[in-house]
Amino acid sequence: MISQANKFQELAVALNNLAGVPTPLSVADFARVRAVLARTKDALAAVEREEAGS
């Protein structure tokens, strides 16, 4: 089973590639990726709550 940290790392790499952010990530770039991940997590949680309610 892939750990949650590995899943987030894979997603960060994918976002990094999509955004054209140079690798390795700078502190500012990492902060941007974390912000995107946080918004994505919140959006997924909202969808799950909505699906659970219907």
PDB file of N, CA and C in Angstrom:
ATOM      1  N   MET A   1       0.839  -1.186   0.000  1.00  0.00           N
ATOM      2  CA  MET A   1       0.000   0.000   0.000  1.00  0.00           C
ATOM      3  C   MET A   1       0.881   1.246   0.000  1.00  0.00           C
ATOM      4  N   ILE A   2       0.536   2.189  -0.844  1.00  0.00           N
ATOM      5  CA  ILE A   2       1.303   3.426  -0.941  1.00  0.00           C
ATOM      6  C   ILE A   2       0.900   4.338   0.217  1.00  0.00           C
ATOM      7  N   SER A   3       1.875   4.875   0.916  1.00  0.00           N
ATOM      8  CA  SER A   3       1.574   5.759   2.041  1.00  0.00           C
ATOM      9  C   SER A   3       1.016   7.087   1.535  1.00  0.00           C
ATOM     10  N   GLN A   4       0.344   7.786   2.435  1.00  0.00           N
ATOM     11  CA  GLN A   4      -0.238   9.076   2.071  1.00  0.00           C
ATOM     12  C   GLN A   4       0.851  10.053   1.649  1.00  0.00           C
ATOM     13  N   ALA A   5       1.996   9.995   2.322  1.00  0.00           N
ATOM     14  CA  ALA A   5       3.097  10.892   1.959  1.00  0.00           C
ATOM     15  C   ALA A   5       3.550  10.638   0.526  1.00  0.00           C
ATOM     16  N   ASN A   6       3.618   9.374   0.134  1.00  0.00           N
ATOM     17  CA  ASN A   6       4.025   9.052  -1.235  1.00  0.00           C
ATOM     18  C   ASN A   6       2.992   9.540  -2.236  1.00  0.00           C
ATOM     19  N   LYS A   7       1.709   9.407  -1.895  1.00  0.00           N
ATOM     20  CA  LYS A   7       0.656   9.895  -2.790  1.00  0.00           C
ATOM     21  C   LYS A   7       0.786  11.396  -2.988  1.00  0.00           C
ATOM     22  N   PHE A   8       1.005  12.127  -1.888  1.00  0.00           N
ATOM     23  CA  PHE A   8       1.151  13.571  -1.990  1.00  0.00           C
ATOM     24  C   PHE A   8       2.416  13.937  -2.755  1.00  0.00           C
ATOM     25  N   GLN A   9       3.488  13.166  -2.567  1.00  0.00           N
ATOM     26  CA  GLN A   9       4.714  13.442  -3.313  1.00  0.00           C
ATOM     27  C   GLN A   9       4.480  13.242  -4.812  1.00  0.00           C
ATOM     28  N   GLU A  10       3.783  12.172  -5.164  1.00  0.00           N
ATOM     29  CA  GLU A  10       3.491  11.928  -6.578  1.00  0.00           C
ATOM     30  C   GLU A  10       2.622  13.046  -7.145  1.00  0.00           C
ATOM     31  N   LEU A  11       1.639  13.493  -6.374  1.00  0.00           N
ATOM     32  CA  LEU A  11       0.780  14.588  -6.825  1.00  0.00           C
ATOM     33  C   LEU A  11       1.582  15.880  -6.943  1.00  0.00           C
ATOM     34  N   ALA A  12       2.487  16.115  -6.000  1.00  0.00           N
ATOM     35  CA  ALA A  12       3.323  17.311  -6.061  1.00  0.00           C
ATOM     36  C   ALA A  12       4.199  17.294  -7.313  1.00  0.00           C
ATOM     37  N   VAL A  13       4.734  16.133  -7.644  1.00  0.00           N
ATOM     38  CA  VAL A  13       5.551  16.022  -8.855  1.00  0.00           C
ATOM     39  C   VAL A  13       4.696  16.300 -10.087  1.00  0.00           C
ATOM     40  N   ALA A  14       3.483  15.743 -10.107  1.00  0.00           N
ATOM     41  CA  ALA A  14       2.587  15.976 -11.240  1.00  0.00           C
ATOM     42  C   ALA A  14       2.232  17.452 -11.356  1.00  0.00           C
ATOM     43  N   LEU A  15       1.903  18.086 -10.233  1.00  0.00           N
ATOM     44  CA  LEU A  15       1.586  19.515 -10.255  1.00  0.00           C
ATOM     45  C   LEU A  15       2.807  20.326 -10.679  1.00  0.00           C
ATOM     46  N   ASN A  16       3.950  19.906 -10.201  1.00  0.00           N
ATOM     47  CA  ASN A  16       5.204  20.562 -10.567  1.00  0.00           C
ATOM     48  C   ASN A  16       5.389  20.520 -12.076  1.00  0.00           C
ATOM     49  N   ASN A  17       5.173  19.365 -12.664  1.00  0.00           N
ATOM     50  CA  ASN A  17       5.329  19.228 -14.109  1.00  0.00           C
ATOM     51  C   ASN A  17       4.291  20.045 -14.862  1.00  0.00           C
ATOM     52  N   LEU A  18       3.059  20.042 -14.384  1.00  0.00           N
ATOM     53  CA  LEU A  18       1.994  20.786 -15.053  1.00  0.00           C
ATOM     54  C   LEU A  18       2.218  22.285 -14.964  1.00  0.00           C
ATOM     55  N   ALA A  19       2.704  22.737 -13.837  1.00  0.00           N
ATOM     56  CA  ALA A  19       2.879  24.168 -13.618  1.00  0.00           C
ATOM     57  C   ALA A  19       4.168  24.698 -14.214  1.00  0.00           C
ATOM     58  N   GLY A  20       5.042  23.811 -14.658  1.00  0.00           N
ATOM     59  CA  GLY A  20       6.313  24.245 -15.199  1.00  0.00           C
ATOM     60  C   GLY A  20       7.246  24.790 -14.140  1.00  0.00           C
ATOM     61  N   VAL A  21       7.033  24.363 -12.897  1.00  0.00           N
ATOM     62  CA  VAL A  21       7.885  24.814 -11.799  1.00  0.00           C
ATOM     63  C   VAL A  21       9.183  24.016 -11.864  1.00  0.00           C
ATOM     64  N   PRO A  22      10.311  24.696 -11.761  1.00  0.00           N
ATOM     65  CA  PRO A  22      11.578  23.973 -11.854  1.00  0.00           C
ATOM     66  C   PRO A  22      11.768  23.005 -10.691  1.00  0.00           C
ATOM     67  N   THR A  23      12.466  21.937 -10.979  1.00  0.00           N
ATOM     68  CA  THR A  23      12.768  20.945  -9.945  1.00  0.00           C
ATOM     69  C   THR A  23      14.232  21.107  -9.583  1.00  0.00           C
ATOM     70  N   PRO A  24      14.626  21.046  -8.351  1.00  0.00           N
ATOM     71  CA  PRO A  24      13.814  20.802  -7.166  1.00  0.00           C
ATOM     72  C   PRO A  24      13.012  22.046  -6.783  1.00  0.00           C
ATOM     73  N   LEU A  25      11.978  21.831  -6.001  1.00  0.00           N
ATOM     74  CA  LEU A  25      11.111  22.926  -5.609  1.00  0.00           C
ATOM     75  C   LEU A  25      11.820  23.870  -4.643  1.00  0.00           C
ATOM     76  N   SER A  26      11.647  25.145  -4.868  1.00  0.00           N
ATOM     77  CA  SER A  26      12.109  26.124  -3.887  1.00  0.00           C
ATOM     78  C   SER A  26      11.089  26.162  -2.755  1.00  0.00           C
ATOM     79  N   VAL A  27      11.412  26.870  -1.693  1.00  0.00           N
ATOM     80  CA  VAL A  27      10.478  26.985  -0.574  1.00  0.00           C
ATOM     81  C   VAL A  27       9.178  27.639  -1.036  1.00  0.00           C
ATOM     82  N   ALA A  28       9.283  28.675  -1.856  1.00  0.00           N
ATOM     83  CA  ALA A  28       8.079  29.358  -2.348  1.00  0.00           C
ATOM     84  C   ALA A  28       7.262  28.444  -3.257  1.00  0.00           C
ATOM     85  N   ASP A  29       7.949  27.694  -4.124  1.00  0.00           N
ATOM     86  CA  ASP A  29       7.250  26.768  -5.008  1.00  0.00           C
ATOM     87  C   ASP A  29       6.548  25.687  -4.189  1.00  0.00           C
ATOM     88  N   PHE A  30       7.239  25.180  -3.170  1.00  0.00           N
ATOM     89  CA  PHE A  30       6.648  24.149  -2.334  1.00  0.00           C
ATOM     90  C   PHE A  30       5.416  24.696  -1.623  1.00  0.00           C
ATOM     91  N   ALA A  31       5.476  25.943  -1.185  1.00  0.00           N
ATOM     92  CA  ALA A  31       4.324  26.567  -0.525  1.00  0.00           C
ATOM     93  C   ALA A  31       3.150  26.665  -1.497  1.00  0.00           C
ATOM     94  N   ARG A  32       3.430  26.996  -2.760  1.00  0.00           N
ATOM     95  CA  ARG A  32       2.348  27.062  -3.761  1.00  0.00           C
ATOM     96  C   ARG A  32       1.742  25.686  -3.979  1.00  0.00           C
ATOM     97  N   VAL A  33       2.586  24.663  -4.084  1.00  0.00           N
ATOM     98  CA  VAL A  33       2.078  23.308  -4.274  1.00  0.00           C
ATOM     99  C   VAL A  33       1.248  22.881  -3.073  1.00  0.00           C
ATOM    100  N   ARG A  34       1.719  23.172  -1.872  1.00  0.00           N
ATOM    101  CA  ARG A  34       0.955  22.831  -0.662  1.00  0.00           C
ATOM    102  C   ARG A  34      -0.402  23.522  -0.655  1.00  0.00           C
ATOM    103  N   ALA A  35      -0.450  24.768  -1.104  1.00  0.00           N
ATOM    104  CA  ALA A  35      -1.715  25.498  -1.151  1.00  0.00           C
ATOM    105  C   ALA A  35      -2.672  24.840  -2.132  1.00  0.00           C
ATOM    106  N   VAL A  36      -2.167  24.432  -3.285  1.00  0.00           N
ATOM    107  CA  VAL A  36      -3.005  23.742  -4.266  1.00  0.00           C
ATOM    108  C   VAL A  36      -3.499  22.419  -3.686  1.00  0.00           C
ATOM    109  N   LEU A  37      -2.615  21.684  -3.030  1.00  0.00           N
ATOM    110  CA  LEU A  37      -3.017  20.412  -2.420  1.00  0.00           C
ATOM    111  C   LEU A  37      -4.082  20.626  -1.348  1.00  0.00           C
ATOM    112  N   ALA A  38      -3.938  21.667  -0.559  1.00  0.00           N
ATOM    113  CA  ALA A  38      -4.923  21.950   0.489  1.00  0.00           C
ATOM    114  C   ALA A  38      -6.283  22.266  -0.120  1.00  0.00           C
ATOM    115  N   ARG A  39      -6.294  23.084  -1.176  1.00  0.00           N
ATOM    116  CA  ARG A  39      -7.572  23.401  -1.832  1.00  0.00           C
ATOM    117  C   ARG A  39      -8.172  22.155  -2.471  1.00  0.00           C
ATOM    118  N   THR A  40      -7.329  21.324  -3.061  1.00  0.00           N
ATOM    119  CA  THR A  40      -7.806  20.086  -3.684  1.00  0.00           C
ATOM    120  C   THR A  40      -8.395  19.166  -2.631  1.00  0.00           C
ATOM    121  N   LYS A  41      -7.705  19.034  -1.509  1.00  0.00           N
ATOM    122  CA  LYS A  41      -8.191  18.185  -0.418  1.00  0.00           C
ATOM    123  C   LYS A  41      -9.542  18.691   0.084  1.00  0.00           C
ATOM    124  N   ASP A  42      -9.668  20.009   0.268  1.00  0.00           N
ATOM    125  CA  ASP A  42     -10.931  20.594   0.726  1.00  0.00           C
ATOM    126  C   ASP A  42     -12.049  20.353  -0.287  1.00  0.00           C
ATOM    127  N   ALA A  43     -11.737  20.495  -1.560  1.00  0.00           N
ATOM    128  CA  ALA A  43     -12.743  20.278  -2.601  1.00  0.00           C
ATOM    129  C   ALA A  43     -13.178  18.817  -2.639  1.00  0.00           C
ATOM    130  N   LEU A  44     -12.232  17.904  -2.512  1.00  0.00           N
ATOM    131  CA  LEU A  44     -12.579  16.480  -2.505  1.00  0.00           C
ATOM    132  C   LEU A  44     -13.423  16.134  -1.287  1.00  0.00           C
ATOM    133  N   ALA A  45     -13.097  16.705  -0.143  1.00  0.00           N
ATOM    134  CA  ALA A  45     -13.878  16.460   1.070  1.00  0.00           C
ATOM    135  C   ALA A  45     -15.305  16.981   0.894  1.00  0.00           C
ATOM    136  N   ALA A  46     -15.465  18.126   0.250  1.00  0.00           N
ATOM    137  CA  ALA A  46     -16.800  18.681   0.019  1.00  0.00           C
ATOM    138  C   ALA A  46     -17.614  17.764  -0.891  1.00  0.00           C
ATOM    139  N   VAL A  47     -16.970  17.229  -1.918  1.00  0.00           N
ATOM    140  CA  VAL A  47     -17.659  16.301  -2.826  1.00  0.00           C
ATOM    141  C   VAL A  47     -18.065  15.041  -2.074  1.00  0.00           C
ATOM    142  N   GLU A  48     -17.175  14.524  -1.238  1.00  0.00           N
ATOM    143  CA  GLU A  48     -17.496  13.320  -0.470  1.00  0.00           C
ATOM    144  C   GLU A  48     -18.658  13.567   0.481  1.00  0.00           C
ATOM    145  N   ARG A  49     -18.680  14.744   1.120  1.00  0.00           N
ATOM    146  CA  ARG A  49     -19.802  15.073   2.029  1.00  0.00           C
ATOM    147  C   ARG A  49     -21.101  15.162   1.243  1.00  0.00           C
ATOM    148  N   GLU A  50     -21.042  15.775   0.071  1.00  0.00           N
ATOM    149  CA  GLU A  50     -22.230  15.920  -0.765  1.00  0.00           C
ATOM    150  C   GLU A  50     -22.740  14.551  -1.206  1.00  0.00           C
ATOM    151  N   GLU A  51     -21.820  13.675  -1.627  1.00  0.00           N
ATOM    152  CA  GLU A  51     -22.220  12.344  -2.060  1.00  0.00           C
ATOM    153  C   GLU A  51     -22.788  11.527  -0.901  1.00  0.00           C
ATOM    154  N   ALA A  52     -22.245  11.702   0.284  1.00  0.00           N
ATOM    155  CA  ALA A  52     -22.730  10.972   1.456  1.00  0.00           C
ATOM    156  C   ALA A  52     -24.128  11.436   1.847  1.00  0.00           C
ATOM    157  N   GLY A  53     -24.436  12.703   1.571  1.00  0.00           N
ATOM    158  CA  GLY A  53     -25.736  13.251   1.923  1.00  0.00           C
ATOM    159  C   GLY A  53     -26.828  12.912   0.931  1.00  0.00           C
ATOM    160  N   SER A  54     -26.474  12.449  -0.262  1.00  0.00           N
ATOM    161  CA  SER A  54     -27.494  12.177  -1.278  1.00  0.00           C
ATOM    162  C   SER A  54     -27.849  10.722  -1.374  1.00  0.00           C
TER     163      SER A  54
END
